[in-house]
Structure formats: C-alpha cells, structure tokens
Amino acid sequence: MTEKSMDDLKRVDVICEHTVDGVVIPLKMRVKDDNGEYQTYRIDAYKDKSGNGAYTTRDGIYVTNETNYFECSIGVLGRVRVIRLYYKSKEGIWRLGM
C-alpha cells in the first residue's frame, strides 16, 4: 500500500465531545456528497486507535501520537459502514478515510 498524507483525505465537519481528561469522542460528522450537498451521519460506535506510536493505517496514512485516529461505525441507507476519522488537534481539522 502506498503511503499518503492526511492532506490527501477529504475534510469533514465533526461534532465531538472533550472529556475532562482530554479524551476526544466523535459524535456526528457532516460531509459534502457528490452533488455538493451536506449529509450528516451519527457515529453509532467508535474505537480510538490513537497513541500507538508512529505507523501507517489501513488507509495508507502515516500517523503519529499527535494524531487522533478513530474507526467509527455509521448508518448509511440502512447499512452499517466503517469509516476512519483523523484529527490533528494542533490544526483543528478532521479528515475522513474509508
């Protein structure tokens, strides 16, 4: 798999929660579809894959401990779909991998 930059991924809006301990919890995401219209999806379940050192994810994205990386389940047209969300808190930008 070819390594890609996070800049290669689509930017998305994410509503998240920050706990008192600094833990980030993604709740909803909003992304533009092919027609340029926003679609909103509730995150039904997530697994925080952050903090495992530097490595390349299944999307081919190189991440470090400075990147929050989540595998999330969302419902799309009655089906469960697994997506990956990446967040660099220094930049304040969320990106979507699938």
PDB file of N, CA and C in Angstrom:
ATOM      1  N   MET A   1       0.831  -1.173   0.000  1.00  0.00           N
ATOM      2  CA  MET A   1       0.000   0.000   0.000  1.00  0.00           C
ATOM      3  C   MET A   1       0.880   1.241   0.000  1.00  0.00           C
ATOM      4  N   THR A   2       0.508   2.221  -0.795  1.00  0.00           N
ATOM      5  CA  THR A   2       1.257   3.458  -0.894  1.00  0.00           C
ATOM      6  C   THR A   2       0.908   4.381   0.264  1.00  0.00           C
ATOM      7  N   GLU A   3       1.931   4.944   0.861  1.00  0.00           N
ATOM      8  CA  GLU A   3       1.701   5.874   1.960  1.00  0.00           C
ATOM      9  C   GLU A   3       1.194   7.196   1.422  1.00  0.00           C
ATOM     10  N   LYS A   4       0.158   7.737   2.070  1.00  0.00           N
ATOM     11  CA  LYS A   4      -0.429   9.006   1.672  1.00  0.00           C
ATOM     12  C   LYS A   4      -0.324   9.983   2.831  1.00  0.00           C
ATOM     13  N   SER A   5      -0.520  11.239   2.493  1.00  0.00           N
ATOM     14  CA  SER A   5      -0.560  12.285   3.509  1.00  0.00           C
ATOM     15  C   SER A   5      -1.996  12.479   3.964  1.00  0.00           C
ATOM     16  N   MET A   6      -2.181  12.998   5.166  1.00  0.00           N
ATOM     17  CA  MET A   6      -3.536  13.319   5.616  1.00  0.00           C
ATOM     18  C   MET A   6      -4.157  14.379   4.715  1.00  0.00           C
ATOM     19  N   ASP A   7      -3.336  15.195   4.068  1.00  0.00           N
ATOM     20  CA  ASP A   7      -3.851  16.221   3.155  1.00  0.00           C
ATOM     21  C   ASP A   7      -4.560  15.602   1.949  1.00  0.00           C
ATOM     22  N   ASP A   8      -4.295  14.325   1.664  1.00  0.00           N
ATOM     23  CA  ASP A   8      -4.951  13.634   0.551  1.00  0.00           C
ATOM     24  C   ASP A   8      -6.385  13.236   0.893  1.00  0.00           C
ATOM     25  N   LEU A   9      -6.741  13.263   2.177  1.00  0.00           N
ATOM     26  CA  LEU A   9      -8.069  12.843   2.618  1.00  0.00           C
ATOM     27  C   LEU A   9      -9.046  14.012   2.594  1.00  0.00           C
ATOM     28  N   LYS A  10     -10.312  13.678   2.453  1.00  0.00           N
ATOM     29  CA  LYS A  10     -11.388  14.667   2.422  1.00  0.00           C
ATOM     30  C   LYS A  10     -11.599  15.276   3.809  1.00  0.00           C
ATOM     31  N   ARG A  11     -11.713  16.605   3.852  1.00  0.00           N
ATOM     32  CA  ARG A  11     -12.014  17.290   5.105  1.00  0.00           C
ATOM     33  C   ARG A  11     -13.499  17.132   5.423  1.00  0.00           C
ATOM     34  N   VAL A  12     -13.808  16.941   6.702  1.00  0.00           N
ATOM     35  CA  VAL A  12     -15.201  16.795   7.144  1.00  0.00           C
ATOM     36  C   VAL A  12     -15.412  17.614   8.408  1.00  0.00           C
ATOM     37  N   ASP A  13     -16.684  17.952   8.647  1.00  0.00           N
ATOM     38  CA  ASP A  13     -17.070  18.591   9.898  1.00  0.00           C
ATOM     39  C   ASP A  13     -17.413  17.488  10.887  1.00  0.00           C
ATOM     40  N   VAL A  14     -16.956  17.639  12.126  1.00  0.00           N
ATOM     41  CA  VAL A  14     -17.247  16.646  13.158  1.00  0.00           C
ATOM     42  C   VAL A  14     -17.702  17.368  14.420  1.00  0.00           C
ATOM     43  N   ILE A  15     -18.783  16.878  14.997  1.00  0.00           N
ATOM     44  CA  ILE A  15     -19.193  17.308  16.322  1.00  0.00           C
ATOM     45  C   ILE A  15     -18.634  16.274  17.282  1.00  0.00           C
ATOM     46  N   CYS A  16     -17.892  16.751  18.271  1.00  0.00           N
ATOM     47  CA  CYS A  16     -17.272  15.823  19.213  1.00  0.00           C
ATOM     48  C   CYS A  16     -17.410  16.359  20.633  1.00  0.00           C
ATOM     49  N   GLU A  17     -17.072  15.502  21.549  1.00  0.00           N
ATOM     50  CA  GLU A  17     -17.093  15.819  22.967  1.00  0.00           C
ATOM     51  C   GLU A  17     -15.666  15.703  23.474  1.00  0.00           C
ATOM     52  N   HIS A  18     -15.288  16.589  24.377  1.00  0.00           N
ATOM     53  CA  HIS A  18     -13.976  16.518  25.023  1.00  0.00           C
ATOM     54  C   HIS A  18     -14.215  16.276  26.510  1.00  0.00           C
ATOM     55  N   THR A  19     -13.681  15.190  27.027  1.00  0.00           N
ATOM     56  CA  THR A  19     -13.870  14.897  28.442  1.00  0.00           C
ATOM     57  C   THR A  19     -12.903  15.737  29.284  1.00  0.00           C
ATOM     58  N   VAL A  20     -13.124  15.742  30.566  1.00  0.00           N
ATOM     59  CA  VAL A  20     -12.270  16.477  31.490  1.00  0.00           C
ATOM     60  C   VAL A  20     -10.831  15.947  31.444  1.00  0.00           C
ATOM     61  N   ASP A  21     -10.662  14.687  31.043  1.00  0.00           N
ATOM     62  CA  ASP A  21      -9.335  14.071  30.928  1.00  0.00           C
ATOM     63  C   ASP A  21      -8.676  14.331  29.581  1.00  0.00           C
ATOM     64  N   GLY A  22      -9.340  15.080  28.708  1.00  0.00           N
ATOM     65  CA  GLY A  22      -8.769  15.390  27.398  1.00  0.00           C
ATOM     66  C   GLY A  22      -9.071  14.369  26.317  1.00  0.00           C
ATOM     67  N   VAL A  23      -9.935  13.414  26.602  1.00  0.00           N
ATOM     68  CA  VAL A  23     -10.303  12.389  25.623  1.00  0.00           C
ATOM     69  C   VAL A  23     -11.303  12.993  24.626  1.00  0.00           C
ATOM     70  N   VAL A  24     -11.082  12.738  23.341  1.00  0.00           N
ATOM     71  CA  VAL A  24     -11.968  13.221  22.285  1.00  0.00           C
ATOM     72  C   VAL A  24     -12.917  12.097  21.900  1.00  0.00           C
ATOM     73  N   ILE A  25     -14.227  12.414  21.821  1.00  0.00           N
ATOM     74  CA  ILE A  25     -15.239  11.419  21.460  1.00  0.00           C
ATOM     75  C   ILE A  25     -16.029  11.964  20.269  1.00  0.00           C
ATOM     76  N   PRO A  26     -15.867  11.369  19.066  1.00  0.00           N
ATOM     77  CA  PRO A  26     -16.636  11.837  17.907  1.00  0.00           C
ATOM     78  C   PRO A  26     -18.102  11.404  18.019  1.00  0.00           C
ATOM     79  N   LEU A  27     -19.036  12.340  17.759  1.00  0.00           N
ATOM     80  CA  LEU A  27     -20.467  12.056  17.890  1.00  0.00           C
ATOM     81  C   LEU A  27     -21.200  12.068  16.554  1.00  0.00           C
ATOM     82  N   LYS A  28     -20.921  13.054  15.702  1.00  0.00           N
ATOM     83  CA  LYS A  28     -21.560  13.184  14.392  1.00  0.00           C
ATOM     84  C   LYS A  28     -20.546  13.716  13.397  1.00  0.00           C
ATOM     85  N   MET A  29     -20.760  13.410  12.129  1.00  0.00           N
ATOM     86  CA  MET A  29     -19.936  14.006  11.086  1.00  0.00           C
ATOM     87  C   MET A  29     -20.818  14.498   9.958  1.00  0.00           C
ATOM     88  N   ARG A  30     -20.315  15.514   9.258  1.00  0.00           N
ATOM     89  CA  ARG A  30     -21.033  16.080   8.123  1.00  0.00           C
ATOM     90  C   ARG A  30     -20.050  16.181   6.972  1.00  0.00           C
ATOM     91  N   VAL A  31     -20.476  15.694   5.812  1.00  0.00           N
ATOM     92  CA  VAL A  31     -19.603  15.661   4.641  1.00  0.00           C
ATOM     93  C   VAL A  31     -20.414  16.063   3.414  1.00  0.00           C
ATOM     94  N   LYS A  32     -19.753  16.703   2.448  1.00  0.00           N
ATOM     95  CA  LYS A  32     -20.418  17.039   1.195  1.00  0.00           C
ATOM     96  C   LYS A  32     -20.451  15.813   0.296  1.00  0.00           C
ATOM     97  N   ASP A  33     -21.617  15.558  -0.306  1.00  0.00           N
ATOM     98  CA  ASP A  33     -21.725  14.444  -1.237  1.00  0.00           C
ATOM     99  C   ASP A  33     -21.286  14.891  -2.632  1.00  0.00           C
ATOM    100  N   ASP A  34     -21.446  14.019  -3.616  1.00  0.00           N
ATOM    101  CA  ASP A  34     -21.010  14.314  -4.985  1.00  0.00           C
ATOM    102  C   ASP A  34     -21.775  15.481  -5.613  1.00  0.00           C
ATOM    103  N   ASN A  35     -22.961  15.784  -5.087  1.00  0.00           N
ATOM    104  CA  ASN A  35     -23.760  16.900  -5.596  1.00  0.00           C
ATOM    105  C   ASN A  35     -23.467  18.202  -4.859  1.00  0.00           C
ATOM    106  N   GLY A  36     -22.534  18.172  -3.908  1.00  0.00           N
ATOM    107  CA  GLY A  36     -22.188  19.357  -3.157  1.00  0.00           C
ATOM    108  C   GLY A  36     -23.117  19.639  -1.987  1.00  0.00           C
ATOM    109  N   GLU A  37     -24.017  18.700  -1.691  1.00  0.00           N
ATOM    110  CA  GLU A  37     -24.937  18.859  -0.575  1.00  0.00           C
ATOM    111  C   GLU A  37     -24.366  18.175   0.667  1.00  0.00           C
ATOM    112  N   TYR A  38     -24.625  18.775   1.822  1.00  0.00           N
ATOM    113  CA  TYR A  38     -24.139  18.195   3.070  1.00  0.00           C
ATOM    114  C   TYR A  38     -25.008  17.028   3.503  1.00  0.00           C
ATOM    115  N   GLN A  39     -24.345  15.959   3.926  1.00  0.00           N
ATOM    116  CA  GLN A  39     -25.001  14.797   4.518  1.00  0.00           C
ATOM    117  C   GLN A  39     -24.447  14.633   5.935  1.00  0.00           C
ATOM    118  N   THR A  40     -25.336  14.413   6.889  1.00  0.00           N
ATOM    119  CA  THR A  40     -24.936  14.264   8.289  1.00  0.00           C
ATOM    120  C   THR A  40     -25.147  12.823   8.729  1.00  0.00           C
ATOM    121  N   TYR A  41     -24.168  12.286   9.454  1.00  0.00           N
ATOM    122  CA  TYR A  41     -24.224  10.908   9.928  1.00  0.00           C
ATOM    123  C   TYR A  41     -23.896  10.869  11.415  1.00  0.00           C
ATOM    124  N   ARG A  42     -24.714  10.144  12.172  1.00  0.00           N
ATOM    125  CA  ARG A  42     -24.444   9.921  13.586  1.00  0.00           C
ATOM    126  C   ARG A  42     -23.430   8.787  13.716  1.00  0.00           C
ATOM    127  N   ILE A  43     -22.474   8.948  14.577  1.00  0.00           N
ATOM    128  CA  ILE A  43     -21.486   7.901  14.830  1.00  0.00           C
ATOM    129  C   ILE A  43     -22.063   6.986  15.905  1.00  0.00           C
ATOM    130  N   ASP A  44     -22.386   5.761  15.494  1.00  0.00           N
ATOM    131  CA  ASP A  44     -23.044   4.803  16.386  1.00  0.00           C
ATOM    132  C   ASP A  44     -22.058   4.138  17.347  1.00  0.00           C
ATOM    133  N   ALA A  45     -20.842   3.924  16.895  1.00  0.00           N
ATOM    134  CA  ALA A  45     -19.812   3.301  17.719  1.00  0.00           C
ATOM    135  C   ALA A  45     -18.457   3.745  17.196  1.00  0.00           C
ATOM    136  N   TYR A  46     -17.471   3.771  18.075  1.00  0.00           N
ATOM    137  CA  TYR A  46     -16.128   4.145  17.640  1.00  0.00           C
ATOM    138  C   TYR A  46     -15.095   3.402  18.467  1.00  0.00           C
ATOM    139  N   LYS A  47     -13.904   3.290  17.906  1.00  0.00           N
ATOM    140  CA  LYS A  47     -12.771   2.714  18.613  1.00  0.00           C
ATOM    141  C   LYS A  47     -11.614   3.688  18.427  1.00  0.00           C
ATOM    142  N   ASP A  48     -11.070   4.157  19.528  1.00  0.00           N
ATOM    143  CA  ASP A  48      -9.952   5.094  19.480  1.00  0.00           C
ATOM    144  C   ASP A  48      -8.673   4.305  19.213  1.00  0.00           C
ATOM    145  N   LYS A  49      -8.051   4.563  18.081  1.00  0.00           N
ATOM    146  CA  LYS A  49      -6.826   3.858  17.691  1.00  0.00           C
ATOM    147  C   LYS A  49      -5.597   4.745  17.889  1.00  0.00           C
ATOM    148  N   SER A  50      -5.765   5.858  18.601  1.00  0.00           N
ATOM    149  CA  SER A  50      -4.691   6.832  18.818  1.00  0.00           C
ATOM    150  C   SER A  50      -3.658   6.318  19.806  1.00  0.00           C
ATOM    151  N   GLY A  51      -2.497   6.964  19.783  1.00  0.00           N
ATOM    152  CA  GLY A  51      -1.487   6.722  20.810  1.00  0.00           C
ATOM    153  C   GLY A  51      -0.707   5.436  20.691  1.00  0.00           C
ATOM    154  N   ASN A  52      -0.642   4.866  19.510  1.00  0.00           N
ATOM    155  CA  ASN A  52       0.099   3.614  19.318  1.00  0.00           C
ATOM    156  C   ASN A  52       1.459   3.847  18.672  1.00  0.00           C
ATOM    157  N   GLY A  53       2.006   5.056  18.820  1.00  0.00           N
ATOM    158  CA  GLY A  53       3.282   5.373  18.191  1.00  0.00           C
ATOM    159  C   GLY A  53       3.079   5.750  16.735  1.00  0.00           C
ATOM    160  N   ALA A  54       4.147   5.786  15.979  1.00  0.00           N
ATOM    161  CA  ALA A  54       4.083   6.141  14.558  1.00  0.00           C
ATOM    162  C   ALA A  54       3.910   4.876  13.722  1.00  0.00           C
ATOM    163  N   TYR A  55       2.917   4.893  12.842  1.00  0.00           N
ATOM    164  CA  TYR A  55       2.676   3.754  11.960  1.00  0.00           C
ATOM    165  C   TYR A  55       1.794   4.185  10.799  1.00  0.00           C
ATOM    166  N   THR A  56       1.597   3.300   9.832  1.00  0.00           N
ATOM    167  CA  THR A  56       0.751   3.563   8.676  1.00  0.00           C
ATOM    168  C   THR A  56      -0.571   2.823   8.864  1.00  0.00           C
ATOM    169  N   THR A  57      -1.686   3.537   8.716  1.00  0.00           N
ATOM    170  CA  THR A  57      -3.015   2.960   8.924  1.00  0.00           C
ATOM    171  C   THR A  57      -3.453   2.155   7.709  1.00  0.00           C
ATOM    172  N   ARG A  58      -4.643   1.544   7.820  1.00  0.00           N
ATOM    173  CA  ARG A  58      -5.200   0.764   6.708  1.00  0.00           C
ATOM    174  C   ARG A  58      -5.466   1.622   5.485  1.00  0.00           C
ATOM    175  N   ASP A  59      -5.634   2.936   5.679  1.00  0.00           N
ATOM    176  CA  ASP A  59      -5.838   3.859   4.561  1.00  0.00           C
ATOM    177  C   ASP A  59      -4.522   4.253   3.903  1.00  0.00           C
ATOM    178  N   GLY A  60      -3.404   3.808   4.473  1.00  0.00           N
ATOM    179  CA  GLY A  60      -2.107   4.198   3.945  1.00  0.00           C
ATOM    180  C   GLY A  60      -1.649   5.546   4.472  1.00  0.00           C
ATOM    181  N   ILE A  61      -2.242   6.002   5.580  1.00  0.00           N
ATOM    182  CA  ILE A  61      -1.913   7.294   6.167  1.00  0.00           C
ATOM    183  C   ILE A  61      -0.914   7.095   7.301  1.00  0.00           C
ATOM    184  N   TYR A  62       0.172   7.839   7.257  1.00  0.00           N
ATOM    185  CA  TYR A  62       1.176   7.791   8.308  1.00  0.00           C
ATOM    186  C   TYR A  62       0.704   8.663   9.459  1.00  0.00           C
ATOM    187  N   VAL A  63       0.552   8.083  10.651  1.00  0.00           N
ATOM    188  CA  VAL A  63       0.106   8.830  11.829  1.00  0.00           C
ATOM    189  C   VAL A  63       1.155   8.730  12.934  1.00  0.00           C
ATOM    190  N   THR A  64       1.097   9.708  13.829  1.00  0.00           N
ATOM    191  CA  THR A  64       1.976   9.722  14.995  1.00  0.00           C
ATOM    192  C   THR A  64       1.102   9.882  16.236  1.00  0.00           C
ATOM    193  N   ASN A  65       1.727   9.994  17.384  1.00  0.00           N
ATOM    194  CA  ASN A  65       0.974  10.195  18.622  1.00  0.00           C
ATOM    195  C   ASN A  65       0.254  11.540  18.642  1.00  0.00           C
ATOM    196  N   GLU A  66       0.579  12.443  17.731  1.00  0.00           N
ATOM    197  CA  GLU A  66      -0.084  13.748  17.659  1.00  0.00           C
ATOM    198  C   GLU A  66      -1.388  13.687  16.867  1.00  0.00           C
ATOM    199  N   THR A  67      -1.715  12.521  16.324  1.00  0.00           N
ATOM    200  CA  THR A  67      -2.921  12.356  15.520  1.00  0.00           C
ATOM    201  C   THR A  67      -3.937  11.509  16.274  1.00  0.00           C
ATOM    202  N   ASN A  68      -5.157  12.031  16.411  1.00  0.00           N
ATOM    203  CA  ASN A  68      -6.247  11.212  16.938  1.00  0.00           C
ATOM    204  C   ASN A  68      -6.813  10.437  15.751  1.00  0.00           C
ATOM    205  N   TYR A  69      -6.945   9.133  15.914  1.00  0.00           N
ATOM    206  CA  TYR A  69      -7.367   8.253  14.827  1.00  0.00           C
ATOM    207  C   TYR A  69      -8.480   7.358  15.369  1.00  0.00           C
ATOM    208  N   PHE A  70      -9.634   7.392  14.703  1.00  0.00           N
ATOM    209  CA  PHE A  70     -10.801   6.643  15.162  1.00  0.00           C
ATOM    210  C   PHE A  70     -11.358   5.767  14.048  1.00  0.00           C
ATOM    211  N   GLU A  71     -11.732   4.534  14.377  1.00  0.00           N
ATOM    212  CA  GLU A  71     -12.530   3.700  13.486  1.00  0.00           C
ATOM    213  C   GLU A  71     -13.955   3.815  13.988  1.00  0.00           C
ATOM    214  N   CYS A  72     -14.862   4.226  13.112  1.00  0.00           N
ATOM    215  CA  CYS A  72     -16.235   4.525  13.516  1.00  0.00           C
ATOM    216  C   CYS A  72     -17.239   3.744  12.679  1.00  0.00           C
ATOM    217  N   SER A  73     -18.370   3.424  13.289  1.00  0.00           N
ATOM    218  CA  SER A  73     -19.496   2.808  12.582  1.00  0.00           C
ATOM    219  C   SER A  73     -20.583   3.856  12.423  1.00  0.00           C
ATOM    220  N   ILE A  74     -21.080   3.981  11.175  1.00  0.00           N
ATOM    221  CA  ILE A  74     -22.187   4.890  10.889  1.00  0.00           C
ATOM    222  C   ILE A  74     -23.237   4.124  10.089  1.00  0.00           C
ATOM    223  N   GLY A  75     -24.459   4.610  10.123  1.00  0.00           N
ATOM    224  CA  GLY A  75     -25.523   4.017   9.321  1.00  0.00           C
ATOM    225  C   GLY A  75     -25.702   4.804   8.034  1.00  0.00           C
ATOM    226  N   VAL A  76     -25.626   4.098   6.893  1.00  0.00           N
ATOM    227  CA  VAL A  76     -25.810   4.727   5.586  1.00  0.00           C
ATOM    228  C   VAL A  76     -26.828   3.897   4.804  1.00  0.00           C
ATOM    229  N   LEU A  77     -27.980   4.488   4.532  1.00  0.00           N
ATOM    230  CA  LEU A  77     -29.039   3.816   3.781  1.00  0.00           C
ATOM    231  C   LEU A  77     -29.382   2.447   4.375  1.00  0.00           C
ATOM    232  N   GLY A  78     -29.490   2.389   5.694  1.00  0.00           N
ATOM    233  CA  GLY A  78     -29.883   1.161   6.371  1.00  0.00           C
ATOM    234  C   GLY A  78     -28.780   0.134   6.547  1.00  0.00           C
ATOM    235  N   ARG A  79     -27.544   0.482   6.172  1.00  0.00           N
ATOM    236  CA  ARG A  79     -26.414  -0.440   6.317  1.00  0.00           C
ATOM    237  C   ARG A  79     -25.362   0.174   7.219  1.00  0.00           C
ATOM    238  N   VAL A  80     -24.656  -0.660   7.955  1.00  0.00           N
ATOM    239  CA  VAL A  80     -23.563  -0.190   8.805  1.00  0.00           C
ATOM    240  C   VAL A  80     -22.299  -0.095   7.963  1.00  0.00           C
ATOM    241  N   ARG A  81     -21.648   1.033   8.076  1.00  0.00           N
ATOM    242  CA  ARG A  81     -20.422   1.258   7.313  1.00  0.00           C
ATOM    243  C   ARG A  81     -19.323   1.685   8.279  1.00  0.00           C
ATOM    244  N   VAL A  82     -18.120   1.174   8.080  1.00  0.00           N
ATOM    245  CA  VAL A  82     -16.972   1.539   8.918  1.00  0.00           C
ATOM    246  C   VAL A  82     -16.165   2.601   8.186  1.00  0.00           C
ATOM    247  N   ILE A  83     -15.926   3.702   8.888  1.00  0.00           N
ATOM    248  CA  ILE A  83     -15.098   4.781   8.350  1.00  0.00           C
ATOM    249  C   ILE A  83     -13.965   5.047   9.332  1.00  0.00           C
ATOM    250  N   ARG A  84     -12.992   5.816   8.915  1.00  0.00           N
ATOM    251  CA  ARG A  84     -11.904   6.210   9.785  1.00  0.00           C
ATOM    252  C   ARG A  84     -11.817   7.738   9.795  1.00  0.00           C
ATOM    253  N   LEU A  85     -11.736   8.298  10.986  1.00  0.00           N
ATOM    254  CA  LEU A  85     -11.604   9.741  11.148  1.00  0.00           C
ATOM    255  C   LEU A  85     -10.239  10.051  11.749  1.00  0.00           C
ATOM    256  N   TYR A  86      -9.611  11.073  11.216  1.00  0.00           N
ATOM    257  CA  TYR A  86      -8.303  11.523  11.675  1.00  0.00           C
ATOM    258  C   TYR A  86      -8.428  12.973  12.132  1.00  0.00           C
ATOM    259  N   TYR A  87      -7.813  13.280  13.265  1.00  0.00           N
ATOM    260  CA  TYR A  87      -7.896  14.634  13.803  1.00  0.00           C
ATOM    261  C   TYR A  87      -6.543  15.049  14.357  1.00  0.00           C
ATOM    262  N   LYS A  88      -6.057  16.174  13.858  1.00  0.00           N
ATOM    263  CA  LYS A  88      -4.844  16.766  14.412  1.00  0.00           C
ATOM    264  C   LYS A  88      -5.264  17.993  15.192  1.00  0.00           C
ATOM    265  N   SER A  89      -5.164  17.914  16.505  1.00  0.00           N
ATOM    266  CA  SER A  89      -5.670  18.999  17.344  1.00  0.00           C
ATOM    267  C   SER A  89      -4.925  20.308  17.123  1.00  0.00           C
ATOM    268  N   LYS A  90      -3.653  20.253  16.756  1.00  0.00           N
ATOM    269  CA  LYS A  90      -2.897  21.483  16.501  1.00  0.00           C
ATOM    270  C   LYS A  90      -3.474  22.254  15.321  1.00  0.00           C
ATOM    271  N   GLU A  91      -4.012  21.524  14.325  1.00  0.00           N
ATOM    272  CA  GLU A  91      -4.591  22.161  13.142  1.00  0.00           C
ATOM    273  C   GLU A  91      -6.097  22.371  13.294  1.00  0.00           C
ATOM    274  N   GLY A  92      -6.750  21.574  14.143  1.00  0.00           N
ATOM    275  CA  GLY A  92      -8.192  21.657  14.319  1.00  0.00           C
ATOM    276  C   GLY A  92      -8.964  21.173  13.111  1.00  0.00           C
ATOM    277  N   ILE A  93      -8.383  20.241  12.354  1.00  0.00           N
ATOM    278  CA  ILE A  93      -9.002  19.745  11.122  1.00  0.00           C
ATOM    279  C   ILE A  93      -9.266  18.244  11.227  1.00  0.00           C
ATOM    280  N   TRP A  94     -10.488  17.850  10.869  1.00  0.00           N
ATOM    281  CA  TRP A  94     -10.874  16.436  10.796  1.00  0.00           C
ATOM    282  C   TRP A  94     -10.816  15.993   9.339  1.00  0.00           C
ATOM    283  N   ARG A  95     -10.383  14.768   9.126  1.00  0.00           N
ATOM    284  CA  ARG A  95     -10.329  14.196   7.782  1.00  0.00           C
ATOM    285  C   ARG A  95     -10.946  12.792   7.791  1.00  0.00           C
ATOM    286  N   LEU A  96     -11.474  12.399   6.643  1.00  0.00           N
ATOM    287  CA  LEU A  96     -12.202  11.136   6.509  1.00  0.00           C
ATOM    288  C   LEU A  96     -11.428  10.146   5.651  1.00  0.00           C
ATOM    289  N   GLY A  97     -11.283   8.925   6.167  1.00  0.00           N
ATOM    290  CA  GLY A  97     -10.723   7.809   5.405  1.00  0.00           C
ATOM    291  C   GLY A  97     -11.764   6.702   5.377  1.00  0.00           C
ATOM    292  N   MET A  98     -11.783   5.920   4.294  1.00  0.00           N
ATOM    293  CA  MET A  98     -12.782   4.850   4.207  1.00  0.00           C
ATOM    294  C   MET A  98     -12.143   3.542   3.811  1.00  0.00           C
TER     295      MET A  98
END
